Amino acid sequence: MAKKTQETSITDDAIATGEAILKQIEDAGLGALPGMGAGWVQTMGALNAEIVSFVADRVRQDMQTQQKLLQCKNAIDLQKVQMAFLEEAYSQYTAETGKLIKMSMDMLPGAKASTKHTPV
């Protein structure tokens, strides 16, 4: 009998992990989390999924860069690949940080009302 494999997305794994952590907190006696509000729990799940997705994309791009580095024939090509990698990584990390800050601010009750400027 052949084994059945079930494919799950990274996002599903992140949400399941977040739910498991929240359950452990609740089981530890730190109170029921429904008081936090459904919006908060949903935003935490989205935040977890965003982080996992970003890391997976970066790992994939890092592996592509390694392949490009292995194909370099001289130091100039090597330097070009390294500079392109650094520029892209810097840009992506900067954009992702802004996105995570905005998502986190949206999670806080009343943050929009009391915040004049969200750094994004």
PDB file of N, CA and C in Angstrom:
ATOM      1  N   MET A   1       0.833  -1.166   0.000  1.00  0.00           N
ATOM      2  CA  MET A   1       0.000   0.000   0.000  1.00  0.00           C
ATOM      3  C   MET A   1       0.884   1.237   0.000  1.00  0.00           C
ATOM      4  N   ALA A   2       0.654   2.108  -0.961  1.00  0.00           N
ATOM      5  CA  ALA A   2       1.474   3.307  -1.102  1.00  0.00           C
ATOM      6  C   ALA A   2       1.093   4.327  -0.048  1.00  0.00           C
ATOM      7  N   LYS A   3       2.095   5.023   0.433  1.00  0.00           N
ATOM      8  CA  LYS A   3       1.836   6.086   1.397  1.00  0.00           C
ATOM      9  C   LYS A   3       1.236   7.283   0.681  1.00  0.00           C
ATOM     10  N   LYS A   4       0.288   7.894   1.332  1.00  0.00           N
ATOM     11  CA  LYS A   4      -0.318   9.106   0.800  1.00  0.00           C
ATOM     12  C   LYS A   4       0.457  10.297   1.332  1.00  0.00           C
ATOM     13  N   THR A   5       0.810  11.180   0.453  1.00  0.00           N
ATOM     14  CA  THR A   5       1.488  12.396   0.901  1.00  0.00           C
ATOM     15  C   THR A   5       0.510  13.544   0.797  1.00  0.00           C
ATOM     16  N   GLN A   6       0.592  14.398   1.766  1.00  0.00           N
ATOM     17  CA  GLN A   6      -0.291  15.562   1.778  1.00  0.00           C
ATOM     18  C   GLN A   6       0.583  16.805   1.758  1.00  0.00           C
ATOM     19  N   GLU A   7       0.371  17.614   0.735  1.00  0.00           N
ATOM     20  CA  GLU A   7       1.143  18.839   0.622  1.00  0.00           C
ATOM     21  C   GLU A   7       0.411  19.952   1.352  1.00  0.00           C
ATOM     22  N   THR A   8       1.153  20.700   2.156  1.00  0.00           N
ATOM     23  CA  THR A   8       0.586  21.861   2.818  1.00  0.00           C
ATOM     24  C   THR A   8       1.453  23.048   2.483  1.00  0.00           C
ATOM     25  N   SER A   9       0.846  24.176   2.463  1.00  0.00           N
ATOM     26  CA  SER A   9       1.612  25.375   2.155  1.00  0.00           C
ATOM     27  C   SER A   9       2.316  25.874   3.409  1.00  0.00           C
ATOM     28  N   ILE A  10       3.302  26.702   3.205  1.00  0.00           N
ATOM     29  CA  ILE A  10       4.039  27.307   4.318  1.00  0.00           C
ATOM     30  C   ILE A  10       3.097  28.144   5.161  1.00  0.00           C
ATOM     31  N   THR A  11       2.161  28.808   4.515  1.00  0.00           N
ATOM     32  CA  THR A  11       1.201  29.654   5.225  1.00  0.00           C
ATOM     33  C   THR A  11       0.363  28.817   6.182  1.00  0.00           C
ATOM     34  N   ASP A  12      -0.121  27.667   5.730  1.00  0.00           N
ATOM     35  CA  ASP A  12      -0.918  26.798   6.587  1.00  0.00           C
ATOM     36  C   ASP A  12      -0.114  26.360   7.801  1.00  0.00           C
ATOM     37  N   ASP A  13       1.168  26.025   7.594  1.00  0.00           N
ATOM     38  CA  ASP A  13       2.028  25.617   8.692  1.00  0.00           C
ATOM     39  C   ASP A  13       2.214  26.754   9.694  1.00  0.00           C
ATOM     40  N   ALA A  14       2.360  27.964   9.213  1.00  0.00           N
ATOM     41  CA  ALA A  14       2.566  29.112  10.100  1.00  0.00           C
ATOM     42  C   ALA A  14       1.324  29.377  10.934  1.00  0.00           C
ATOM     43  N   ILE A  15       0.170  29.293  10.310  1.00  0.00           N
ATOM     44  CA  ILE A  15      -1.076  29.532  11.041  1.00  0.00           C
ATOM     45  C   ILE A  15      -1.280  28.439  12.084  1.00  0.00           C
ATOM     46  N   ALA A  16      -1.017  27.187  11.712  1.00  0.00           N
ATOM     47  CA  ALA A  16      -1.149  26.075  12.657  1.00  0.00           C
ATOM     48  C   ALA A  16      -0.187  26.248  13.830  1.00  0.00           C
ATOM     49  N   THR A  17       1.023  26.685  13.548  1.00  0.00           N
ATOM     50  CA  THR A  17       2.003  26.924  14.609  1.00  0.00           C
ATOM     51  C   THR A  17       1.530  28.028  15.541  1.00  0.00           C
ATOM     52  N   GLY A  18       1.013  29.111  14.958  1.00  0.00           N
ATOM     53  CA  GLY A  18       0.493  30.213  15.770  1.00  0.00           C
ATOM     54  C   GLY A  18      -0.657  29.771  16.655  1.00  0.00           C
ATOM     55  N   GLU A  19      -1.555  28.973  16.102  1.00  0.00           N
ATOM     56  CA  GLU A  19      -2.693  28.477  16.884  1.00  0.00           C
ATOM     57  C   GLU A  19      -2.213  27.576  18.013  1.00  0.00           C
ATOM     58  N   ALA A  20      -1.206  26.743  17.747  1.00  0.00           N
ATOM     59  CA  ALA A  20      -0.673  25.857  18.775  1.00  0.00           C
ATOM     60  C   ALA A  20      -0.029  26.652  19.912  1.00  0.00           C
ATOM     61  N   ILE A  21       0.671  27.710  19.564  1.00  0.00           N
ATOM     62  CA  ILE A  21       1.302  28.556  20.590  1.00  0.00           C
ATOM     63  C   ILE A  21       0.238  29.227  21.450  1.00  0.00           C
ATOM     64  N   LEU A  22      -0.799  29.760  20.807  1.00  0.00           N
ATOM     65  CA  LEU A  22      -1.879  30.398  21.559  1.00  0.00           C
ATOM     66  C   LEU A  22      -2.558  29.395  22.486  1.00  0.00           C
ATOM     67  N   LYS A  23      -2.734  28.164  22.044  1.00  0.00           N
ATOM     68  CA  LYS A  23      -3.345  27.114  22.866  1.00  0.00           C
ATOM     69  C   LYS A  23      -2.459  26.805  24.064  1.00  0.00           C
ATOM     70  N   GLN A  24      -1.144  26.760  23.861  1.00  0.00           N
ATOM     71  CA  GLN A  24      -0.223  26.486  24.971  1.00  0.00           C
ATOM     72  C   GLN A  24      -0.279  27.603  26.009  1.00  0.00           C
ATOM     73  N   ILE A  25      -0.373  28.835  25.539  1.00  0.00           N
ATOM     74  CA  ILE A  25      -0.473  29.974  26.461  1.00  0.00           C
ATOM     75  C   ILE A  25      -1.745  29.860  27.289  1.00  0.00           C
ATOM     76  N   GLU A  26      -2.835  29.526  26.625  1.00  0.00           N
ATOM     77  CA  GLU A  26      -4.111  29.377  27.308  1.00  0.00           C
ATOM     78  C   GLU A  26      -4.052  28.234  28.313  1.00  0.00           C
ATOM     79  N   ASP A  27      -3.455  27.091  27.909  1.00  0.00           N
ATOM     80  CA  ASP A  27      -3.345  25.925  28.782  1.00  0.00           C
ATOM     81  C   ASP A  27      -2.447  26.210  29.991  1.00  0.00           C
ATOM     82  N   ALA A  28      -1.502  27.127  29.833  1.00  0.00           N
ATOM     83  CA  ALA A  28      -0.589  27.459  30.930  1.00  0.00           C
ATOM     84  C   ALA A  28      -1.269  28.301  32.007  1.00  0.00           C
ATOM     85  N   GLY A  29      -2.518  28.673  31.768  1.00  0.00           N
ATOM     86  CA  GLY A  29      -3.259  29.421  32.772  1.00  0.00           C
ATOM     87  C   GLY A  29      -3.132  30.919  32.646  1.00  0.00           C
ATOM     88  N   LEU A  30      -2.697  31.378  31.511  1.00  0.00           N
ATOM     89  CA  LEU A  30      -2.540  32.817  31.331  1.00  0.00           C
ATOM     90  C   LEU A  30      -3.814  33.474  30.815  1.00  0.00           C
ATOM     91  N   GLY A  31      -4.911  32.751  30.879  1.00  0.00           N
ATOM     92  CA  GLY A  31      -6.187  33.335  30.495  1.00  0.00           C
ATOM     93  C   GLY A  31      -6.613  32.941  29.105  1.00  0.00           C
ATOM     94  N   ALA A  32      -7.879  33.099  28.891  1.00  0.00           N
ATOM     95  CA  ALA A  32      -8.434  32.783  27.585  1.00  0.00           C
ATOM     96  C   ALA A  32      -8.114  33.902  26.613  1.00  0.00           C
ATOM     97  N   LEU A  33      -7.724  33.536  25.432  1.00  0.00           N
ATOM     98  CA  LEU A  33      -7.364  34.529  24.438  1.00  0.00           C
ATOM     99  C   LEU A  33      -8.537  35.099  23.651  1.00  0.00           C
ATOM    100  N   PRO A  34      -9.734  34.516  23.746  1.00  0.00           N
ATOM    101  CA  PRO A  34     -10.831  35.153  23.011  1.00  0.00           C
ATOM    102  C   PRO A  34     -11.061  36.605  23.409  1.00  0.00           C
ATOM    103  N   GLY A  35     -10.659  36.950  24.617  1.00  0.00           N
ATOM    104  CA  GLY A  35     -10.786  38.342  25.053  1.00  0.00           C
ATOM    105  C   GLY A  35      -9.927  39.284  24.229  1.00  0.00           C
ATOM    106  N   MET A  36      -8.941  38.750  23.560  1.00  0.00           N
ATOM    107  CA  MET A  36      -8.074  39.561  22.718  1.00  0.00           C
ATOM    108  C   MET A  36      -8.814  40.017  21.465  1.00  0.00           C
ATOM    109  N   GLY A  37      -9.826  39.283  21.087  1.00  0.00           N
ATOM    110  CA  GLY A  37     -10.586  39.661  19.906  1.00  0.00           C
ATOM    111  C   GLY A  37     -10.183  38.842  18.699  1.00  0.00           C
ATOM    112  N   ALA A  38     -11.158  38.546  17.877  1.00  0.00           N
ATOM    113  CA  ALA A  38     -10.914  37.742  16.682  1.00  0.00           C
ATOM    114  C   ALA A  38      -9.969  38.452  15.722  1.00  0.00           C
ATOM    115  N   GLY A  39     -10.097  39.763  15.644  1.00  0.00           N
ATOM    116  CA  GLY A  39      -9.230  40.535  14.756  1.00  0.00           C
ATOM    117  C   GLY A  39      -7.769  40.390  15.125  1.00  0.00           C
ATOM    118  N   TRP A  40      -7.485  40.398  16.427  1.00  0.00           N
ATOM    119  CA  TRP A  40      -6.108  40.262  16.900  1.00  0.00           C
ATOM    120  C   TRP A  40      -5.554  38.902  16.515  1.00  0.00           C
ATOM    121  N   VAL A  41      -6.348  37.847  16.742  1.00  0.00           N
ATOM    122  CA  VAL A  41      -5.903  36.493  16.435  1.00  0.00           C
ATOM    123  C   VAL A  41      -5.680  36.349  14.929  1.00  0.00           C
ATOM    124  N   GLN A  42      -6.576  36.894  14.129  1.00  0.00           N
ATOM    125  CA  GLN A  42      -6.419  36.823  12.681  1.00  0.00           C
ATOM    126  C   GLN A  42      -5.169  37.568  12.226  1.00  0.00           C
ATOM    127  N   THR A  43      -4.929  38.732  12.808  1.00  0.00           N
ATOM    128  CA  THR A  43      -3.753  39.511  12.436  1.00  0.00           C
ATOM    129  C   THR A  43      -2.474  38.788  12.840  1.00  0.00           C
ATOM    130  N   MET A  44      -2.485  38.132  14.005  1.00  0.00           N
ATOM    131  CA  MET A  44      -1.312  37.356  14.427  1.00  0.00           C
ATOM    132  C   MET A  44      -1.052  36.231  13.441  1.00  0.00           C
ATOM    133  N   GLY A  45      -2.102  35.566  12.996  1.00  0.00           N
ATOM    134  CA  GLY A  45      -1.941  34.502  12.002  1.00  0.00           C
ATOM    135  C   GLY A  45      -1.375  35.041  10.703  1.00  0.00           C
ATOM    136  N   ALA A  46      -1.894  36.189  10.280  1.00  0.00           N
ATOM    137  CA  ALA A  46      -1.401  36.817   9.045  1.00  0.00           C
ATOM    138  C   ALA A  46       0.053  37.258   9.209  1.00  0.00           C
ATOM    139  N   LEU A  47       0.384  37.771  10.383  1.00  0.00           N
ATOM    140  CA  LEU A  47       1.754  38.202  10.666  1.00  0.00           C
ATOM    141  C   LEU A  47       2.705  37.012  10.621  1.00  0.00           C
ATOM    142  N   ASN A  48       2.316  35.914  11.264  1.00  0.00           N
ATOM    143  CA  ASN A  48       3.135  34.694  11.233  1.00  0.00           C
ATOM    144  C   ASN A  48       3.310  34.195   9.804  1.00  0.00           C
ATOM    145  N   ALA A  49       2.221  34.168   9.048  1.00  0.00           N
ATOM    146  CA  ALA A  49       2.272  33.690   7.667  1.00  0.00           C
ATOM    147  C   ALA A  49       3.176  34.577   6.817  1.00  0.00           C
ATOM    148  N   GLU A  50       3.111  35.879   7.029  1.00  0.00           N
ATOM    149  CA  GLU A  50       3.937  36.825   6.275  1.00  0.00           C
ATOM    150  C   GLU A  50       5.418  36.580   6.548  1.00  0.00           C
ATOM    151  N   ILE A  51       5.755  36.384   7.805  1.00  0.00           N
ATOM    152  CA  ILE A  51       7.158  36.157   8.179  1.00  0.00           C
ATOM    153  C   ILE A  51       7.672  34.859   7.565  1.00  0.00           C
ATOM    154  N   VAL A  52       6.906  33.797   7.685  1.00  0.00           N
ATOM    155  CA  VAL A  52       7.326  32.504   7.145  1.00  0.00           C
ATOM    156  C   VAL A  52       7.465  32.584   5.630  1.00  0.00           C
ATOM    157  N   SER A  53       6.519  33.244   4.984  1.00  0.00           N
ATOM    158  CA  SER A  53       6.566  33.388   3.523  1.00  0.00           C
ATOM    159  C   SER A  53       7.795  34.188   3.094  1.00  0.00           C
ATOM    160  N   PHE A  54       8.086  35.274   3.810  1.00  0.00           N
ATOM    161  CA  PHE A  54       9.245  36.104   3.483  1.00  0.00           C
ATOM    162  C   PHE A  54      10.539  35.302   3.635  1.00  0.00           C
ATOM    163  N   VAL A  55      10.661  34.584   4.742  1.00  0.00           N
ATOM    164  CA  VAL A  55      11.876  33.793   4.978  1.00  0.00           C
ATOM    165  C   VAL A  55      12.037  32.722   3.902  1.00  0.00           C
ATOM    166  N   ALA A  56      10.940  32.064   3.530  1.00  0.00           N
ATOM    167  CA  ALA A  56      11.015  31.042   2.485  1.00  0.00           C
ATOM    168  C   ALA A  56      11.464  31.649   1.155  1.00  0.00           C
ATOM    169  N   ASP A  57      10.931  32.817   0.823  1.00  0.00           N
ATOM    170  CA  ASP A  57      11.344  33.492  -0.417  1.00  0.00           C
ATOM    171  C   ASP A  57      12.820  33.877  -0.373  1.00  0.00           C
ATOM    172  N   ARG A  58      13.256  34.379   0.774  1.00  0.00           N
ATOM    173  CA  ARG A  58      14.665  34.774   0.891  1.00  0.00           C
ATOM    174  C   ARG A  58      15.581  33.557   0.772  1.00  0.00           C
ATOM    175  N   VAL A  59      15.235  32.447   1.387  1.00  0.00           N
ATOM    176  CA  VAL A  59      16.059  31.231   1.292  1.00  0.00           C
ATOM    177  C   VAL A  59      16.147  30.781  -0.157  1.00  0.00           C
ATOM    178  N   ARG A  60      15.009  30.822  -0.858  1.00  0.00           N
ATOM    179  CA  ARG A  60      14.995  30.432  -2.269  1.00  0.00           C
ATOM    180  C   ARG A  60      15.922  31.351  -3.079  1.00  0.00           C
ATOM    181  N   GLN A  61      15.853  32.647  -2.821  1.00  0.00           N
ATOM    182  CA  GLN A  61      16.708  33.593  -3.538  1.00  0.00           C
ATOM    183  C   GLN A  61      18.175  33.414  -3.155  1.00  0.00           C
ATOM    184  N   ASP A  62      18.434  33.088  -1.903  1.00  0.00           N
ATOM    185  CA  ASP A  62      19.809  32.828  -1.476  1.00  0.00           C
ATOM    186  C   ASP A  62      20.392  31.632  -2.222  1.00  0.00           C
ATOM    187  N   MET A  63      19.579  30.608  -2.412  1.00  0.00           N
ATOM    188  CA  MET A  63      20.041  29.424  -3.143  1.00  0.00           C
ATOM    189  C   MET A  63      20.299  29.766  -4.612  1.00  0.00           C
ATOM    190  N   GLN A  64      19.463  30.596  -5.199  1.00  0.00           N
ATOM    191  CA  GLN A  64      19.682  31.026  -6.578  1.00  0.00           C
ATOM    192  C   GLN A  64      20.983  31.811  -6.700  1.00  0.00           C
ATOM    193  N   THR A  65      21.245  32.650  -5.706  1.00  0.00           N
ATOM    194  CA  THR A  65      22.486  33.422  -5.711  1.00  0.00           C
ATOM    195  C   THR A  65      23.697  32.503  -5.597  1.00  0.00           C
ATOM    196  N   GLN A  66      23.599  31.474  -4.773  1.00  0.00           N
ATOM    197  CA  GLN A  66      24.704  30.522  -4.662  1.00  0.00           C
ATOM    198  C   GLN A  66      24.996  29.870  -6.011  1.00  0.00           C
ATOM    199  N   GLN A  67      23.947  29.521  -6.736  1.00  0.00           N
ATOM    200  CA  GLN A  67      24.133  28.935  -8.066  1.00  0.00           C
ATOM    201  C   GLN A  67      24.836  29.929  -8.998  1.00  0.00           C
ATOM    202  N   LYS A  68      24.420  31.191  -8.943  1.00  0.00           N
ATOM    203  CA  LYS A  68      25.058  32.217  -9.780  1.00  0.00           C
ATOM    204  C   LYS A  68      26.523  32.395  -9.399  1.00  0.00           C
ATOM    205  N   LEU A  69      26.818  32.354  -8.098  1.00  0.00           N
ATOM    206  CA  LEU A  69      28.199  32.497  -7.644  1.00  0.00           C
ATOM    207  C   LEU A  69      29.075  31.346  -8.152  1.00  0.00           C
ATOM    208  N   LEU A  70      28.510  30.154  -8.149  1.00  0.00           N
ATOM    209  CA  LEU A  70      29.266  28.986  -8.625  1.00  0.00           C
ATOM    210  C   LEU A  70      29.546  29.051 -10.129  1.00  0.00           C
ATOM    211  N   GLN A  71      28.749  29.813 -10.848  1.00  0.00           N
ATOM    212  CA  GLN A  71      28.915  29.923 -12.297  1.00  0.00           C
ATOM    213  C   GLN A  71      29.843  31.071 -12.704  1.00  0.00           C
ATOM    214  N   CYS A  72      30.283  31.869 -11.749  1.00  0.00           N
ATOM    215  CA  CYS A  72      31.155  33.000 -12.065  1.00  0.00           C
ATOM    216  C   CYS A  72      32.504  32.502 -12.588  1.00  0.00           C
ATOM    217  N   LYS A  73      32.989  33.184 -13.615  1.00  0.00           N
ATOM    218  CA  LYS A  73      34.264  32.808 -14.246  1.00  0.00           C
ATOM    219  C   LYS A  73      35.424  33.677 -13.775  1.00  0.00           C
ATOM    220  N   ASN A  74      35.099  34.856 -13.232  1.00  0.00           N
ATOM    221  CA  ASN A  74      36.160  35.751 -12.783  1.00  0.00           C
ATOM    222  C   ASN A  74      35.666  36.603 -11.606  1.00  0.00           C
ATOM    223  N   ALA A  75      36.572  37.371 -11.042  1.00  0.00           N
ATOM    224  CA  ALA A  75      36.268  38.169  -9.855  1.00  0.00           C
ATOM    225  C   ALA A  75      35.248  39.273 -10.139  1.00  0.00           C
ATOM    226  N   ILE A  76      35.270  39.814 -11.330  1.00  0.00           N
ATOM    227  CA  ILE A  76      34.324  40.888 -11.682  1.00  0.00           C
ATOM    228  C   ILE A  76      32.893  40.342 -11.691  1.00  0.00           C
ATOM    229  N   ASP A  77      32.687  39.184 -12.293  1.00  0.00           N
ATOM    230  CA  ASP A  77      31.365  38.554 -12.297  1.00  0.00           C
ATOM    231  C   ASP A  77      30.916  38.251 -10.872  1.00  0.00           C
ATOM    232  N   LEU A  78      31.840  37.760 -10.058  1.00  0.00           N
ATOM    233  CA  LEU A  78      31.551  37.445  -8.665  1.00  0.00           C
ATOM    234  C   LEU A  78      31.087  38.696  -7.917  1.00  0.00           C
ATOM    235  N   GLN A  79      31.796  39.794  -8.123  1.00  0.00           N
ATOM    236  CA  GLN A  79      31.452  41.047  -7.457  1.00  0.00           C
ATOM    237  C   GLN A  79      30.071  41.543  -7.907  1.00  0.00           C
ATOM    238  N   LYS A  80      29.763  41.412  -9.183  1.00  0.00           N
ATOM    239  CA  LYS A  80      28.459  41.844  -9.690  1.00  0.00           C
ATOM    240  C   LYS A  80      27.319  41.043  -9.055  1.00  0.00           C
ATOM    241  N   VAL A  81      27.501  39.746  -8.947  1.00  0.00           N
ATOM    242  CA  VAL A  81      26.479  38.891  -8.340  1.00  0.00           C
ATOM    243  C   VAL A  81      26.302  39.252  -6.864  1.00  0.00           C
ATOM    244  N   GLN A  82      27.421  39.462  -6.170  1.00  0.00           N
ATOM    245  CA  GLN A  82      27.353  39.817  -4.758  1.00  0.00           C
ATOM    246  C   GLN A  82      26.657  41.162  -4.549  1.00  0.00           C
ATOM    247  N   MET A  83      26.970  42.152  -5.366  1.00  0.00           N
ATOM    248  CA  MET A  83      26.354  43.475  -5.233  1.00  0.00           C
ATOM    249  C   MET A  83      24.859  43.414  -5.534  1.00  0.00           C
ATOM    250  N   ALA A  84      24.490  42.675  -6.567  1.00  0.00           N
ATOM    251  CA  ALA A  84      23.067  42.538  -6.899  1.00  0.00           C
ATOM    252  C   ALA A  84      22.324  41.869  -5.747  1.00  0.00           C
ATOM    253  N   PHE A  85      22.949  40.857  -5.160  1.00  0.00           N
ATOM    254  CA  PHE A  85      22.341  40.167  -4.022  1.00  0.00           C
ATOM    255  C   PHE A  85      22.143  41.121  -2.844  1.00  0.00           C
ATOM    256  N   LEU A  86      23.178  41.867  -2.500  1.00  0.00           N
ATOM    257  CA  LEU A  86      23.098  42.780  -1.359  1.00  0.00           C
ATOM    258  C   LEU A  86      22.060  43.877  -1.580  1.00  0.00           C
ATOM    259  N   GLU A  87      22.029  44.446  -2.777  1.00  0.00           N
ATOM    260  CA  GLU A  87      21.059  45.498  -3.068  1.00  0.00           C
ATOM    261  C   GLU A  87      19.627  44.975  -2.978  1.00  0.00           C
ATOM    262  N   GLU A  88      19.395  43.799  -3.551  1.00  0.00           N
ATOM    263  CA  GLU A  88      18.048  43.223  -3.528  1.00  0.00           C
ATOM    264  C   GLU A  88      17.634  42.833  -2.108  1.00  0.00           C
ATOM    265  N   ALA A  89      18.549  42.206  -1.373  1.00  0.00           N
ATOM    266  CA  ALA A  89      18.246  41.800  -0.001  1.00  0.00           C
ATOM    267  C   ALA A  89      17.945  43.021   0.866  1.00  0.00           C
ATOM    268  N   TYR A  90      18.742  44.072   0.733  1.00  0.00           N
ATOM    269  CA  TYR A  90      18.510  45.297   1.513  1.00  0.00           C
ATOM    270  C   TYR A  90      17.128  45.873   1.206  1.00  0.00           C
ATOM    271  N   SER A  91      16.797  45.949  -0.062  1.00  0.00           N
ATOM    272  CA  SER A  91      15.503  46.480  -0.476  1.00  0.00           C
ATOM    273  C   SER A  91      14.353  45.626   0.066  1.00  0.00           C
ATOM    274  N   GLN A  92      14.487  44.315  -0.043  1.00  0.00           N
ATOM    275  CA  GLN A  92      13.423  43.430   0.421  1.00  0.00           C
ATOM    276  C   GLN A  92      13.269  43.455   1.942  1.00  0.00           C
ATOM    277  N   TYR A  93      14.371  43.463   2.670  1.00  0.00           N
ATOM    278  CA  TYR A  93      14.289  43.508   4.130  1.00  0.00           C
ATOM    279  C   TYR A  93      13.694  44.839   4.601  1.00  0.00           C
ATOM    280  N   THR A  94      14.046  45.930   3.931  1.00  0.00           N
ATOM    281  CA  THR A  94      13.488  47.235   4.286  1.00  0.00           C
ATOM    282  C   THR A  94      11.981  47.254   4.058  1.00  0.00           C
ATOM    283  N   ALA A  95      11.548  46.780   2.900  1.00  0.00           N
ATOM    284  CA  ALA A  95      10.117  46.749   2.584  1.00  0.00           C
ATOM    285  C   ALA A  95       9.366  45.823   3.546  1.00  0.00           C
ATOM    286  N   GLU A  96       9.955  44.685   3.851  1.00  0.00           N
ATOM    287  CA  GLU A  96       9.288  43.728   4.740  1.00  0.00           C
ATOM    288  C   GLU A  96       9.185  44.273   6.156  1.00  0.00           C
ATOM    289  N   THR A  97      10.201  44.967   6.614  1.00  0.00           N
ATOM    290  CA  THR A  97      10.151  45.568   7.942  1.00  0.00           C
ATOM    291  C   THR A  97       9.003  46.565   8.029  1.00  0.00           C
ATOM    292  N   GLY A  98       8.865  47.411   7.021  1.00  0.00           N
ATOM    293  CA  GLY A  98       7.756  48.368   6.996  1.00  0.00           C
ATOM    294  C   GLY A  98       6.411  47.670   6.999  1.00  0.00           C
ATOM    295  N   LYS A  99       6.309  46.611   6.225  1.00  0.00           N
ATOM    296  CA  LYS A  99       5.059  45.852   6.146  1.00  0.00           C
ATOM    297  C   LYS A  99       4.712  45.227   7.499  1.00  0.00           C
ATOM    298  N   LEU A 100       5.707  44.642   8.172  1.00  0.00           N
ATOM    299  CA  LEU A 100       5.473  44.022   9.474  1.00  0.00           C
ATOM    300  C   LEU A 100       5.121  45.054  10.537  1.00  0.00           C
ATOM    301  N   ILE A 101       5.739  46.222  10.468  1.00  0.00           N
ATOM    302  CA  ILE A 101       5.405  47.291  11.416  1.00  0.00           C
ATOM    303  C   ILE A 101       3.958  47.714  11.227  1.00  0.00           C
ATOM    304  N   LYS A 102       3.552  47.899   9.977  1.00  0.00           N
ATOM    305  CA  LYS A 102       2.167  48.295   9.702  1.00  0.00           C
ATOM    306  C   LYS A 102       1.195  47.226  10.191  1.00  0.00           C
ATOM    307  N   MET A 103       1.491  45.957   9.894  1.00  0.00           N
ATOM    308  CA  MET A 103       0.613  44.872  10.345  1.00  0.00           C
ATOM    309  C   MET A 103       0.536  44.841  11.876  1.00  0.00           C
ATOM    310  N   SER A 104       1.655  45.068  12.545  1.00  0.00           N
ATOM    311  CA  SER A 104       1.684  45.065  14.008  1.00  0.00           C
ATOM    312  C   SER A 104       0.895  46.233  14.576  1.00  0.00           C
ATOM    313  N   MET A 105       1.019  47.380  13.955  1.00  0.00           N
ATOM    314  CA  MET A 105       0.265  48.554  14.415  1.00  0.00           C
ATOM    315  C   MET A 105      -1.236  48.336  14.246  1.00  0.00           C
ATOM    316  N   ASP A 106      -1.625  47.676  13.158  1.00  0.00           N
ATOM    317  CA  ASP A 106      -3.034  47.383  12.927  1.00  0.00           C
ATOM    318  C   ASP A 106      -3.587  46.418  13.969  1.00  0.00           C
ATOM    319  N   MET A 107      -2.709  45.639  14.578  1.00  0.00           N
ATOM    320  CA  MET A 107      -3.112  44.649  15.566  1.00  0.00           C
ATOM    321  C   MET A 107      -3.453  45.300  16.907  1.00  0.00           C
ATOM    322  N   LEU A 108      -2.849  46.437  17.185  1.00  0.00           N
ATOM    323  CA  LEU A 108      -3.052  47.092  18.473  1.00  0.00           C
ATOM    324  C   LEU A 108      -4.373  47.851  18.492  1.00  0.00           C
ATOM    325  N   PRO A 109      -5.212  47.577  19.497  1.00  0.00           N
ATOM    326  CA  PRO A 109      -6.474  48.309  19.563  1.00  0.00           C
ATOM    327  C   PRO A 109      -6.220  49.789  19.825  1.00  0.00           C
ATOM    328  N   GLY A 110      -6.849  50.609  19.059  1.00  0.00           N
ATOM    329  CA  GLY A 110      -6.725  52.048  19.232  1.00  0.00           C
ATOM    330  C   GLY A 110      -5.436  52.637  18.711  1.00  0.00           C
ATOM    331  N   ALA A 111      -4.593  51.829  18.082  1.00  0.00           N
ATOM    332  CA  ALA A 111      -3.307  52.346  17.607  1.00  0.00           C
ATOM    333  C   ALA A 111      -3.508  53.376  16.511  1.00  0.00           C
ATOM    334  N   LYS A 112      -4.484  53.131  15.652  1.00  0.00           N
ATOM    335  CA  LYS A 112      -4.720  54.066  14.565  1.00  0.00           C
ATOM    336  C   LYS A 112      -5.235  55.403  15.085  1.00  0.00           C
ATOM    337  N   ALA A 113      -6.055  55.353  16.119  1.00  0.00           N
ATOM    338  CA  ALA A 113      -6.632  56.575  16.656  1.00  0.00           C
ATOM    339  C   ALA A 113      -5.596  57.438  17.361  1.00  0.00           C
ATOM    340  N   SER A 114      -4.627  56.795  18.031  1.00  0.00           N
ATOM    341  CA  SER A 114      -3.662  57.559  18.802  1.00  0.00           C
ATOM    342  C   SER A 114      -2.345  57.801  18.079  1.00  0.00           C
ATOM    343  N   THR A 115      -2.199  57.238  16.893  1.00  0.00           N
ATOM    344  CA  THR A 115      -0.950  57.383  16.145  1.00  0.00           C
ATOM    345  C   THR A 115      -1.156  58.358  15.000  1.00  0.00           C
ATOM    346  N   LYS A 116      -0.322  59.377  14.961  1.00  0.00           N
ATOM    347  CA  LYS A 116      -0.430  60.373  13.902  1.00  0.00           C
ATOM    348  C   LYS A 116       0.267  59.901  12.645  1.00  0.00           C
ATOM    349  N   HIS A 117       1.316  59.123  12.799  1.00  0.00           N
ATOM    350  CA  HIS A 117       2.084  58.689  11.651  1.00  0.00           C
ATOM    351  C   HIS A 117       2.588  57.259  11.897  1.00  0.00           C
ATOM    352  N   THR A 118       2.297  56.384  10.953  1.00  0.00           N
ATOM    353  CA  THR A 118       2.800  55.020  11.018  1.00  0.00           C
ATOM    354  C   THR A 118       4.027  54.927  10.131  1.00  0.00           C
ATOM    355  N   PRO A 119       5.185  54.588  10.700  1.00  0.00           N
ATOM    356  CA  PRO A 119       6.427  54.544   9.908  1.00  0.00           C
ATOM    357  C   PRO A 119       6.449  53.359   8.955  1.00  0.00           C
ATOM    358  N   VAL A 120       6.067  53.601   7.721  1.00  0.00           N
ATOM    359  CA  VAL A 120       6.077  52.549   6.706  1.00  0.00           C
ATOM    360  C   VAL A 120       6.801  53.038   5.491  1.00  0.00           C
TER     361      VAL A 120
END
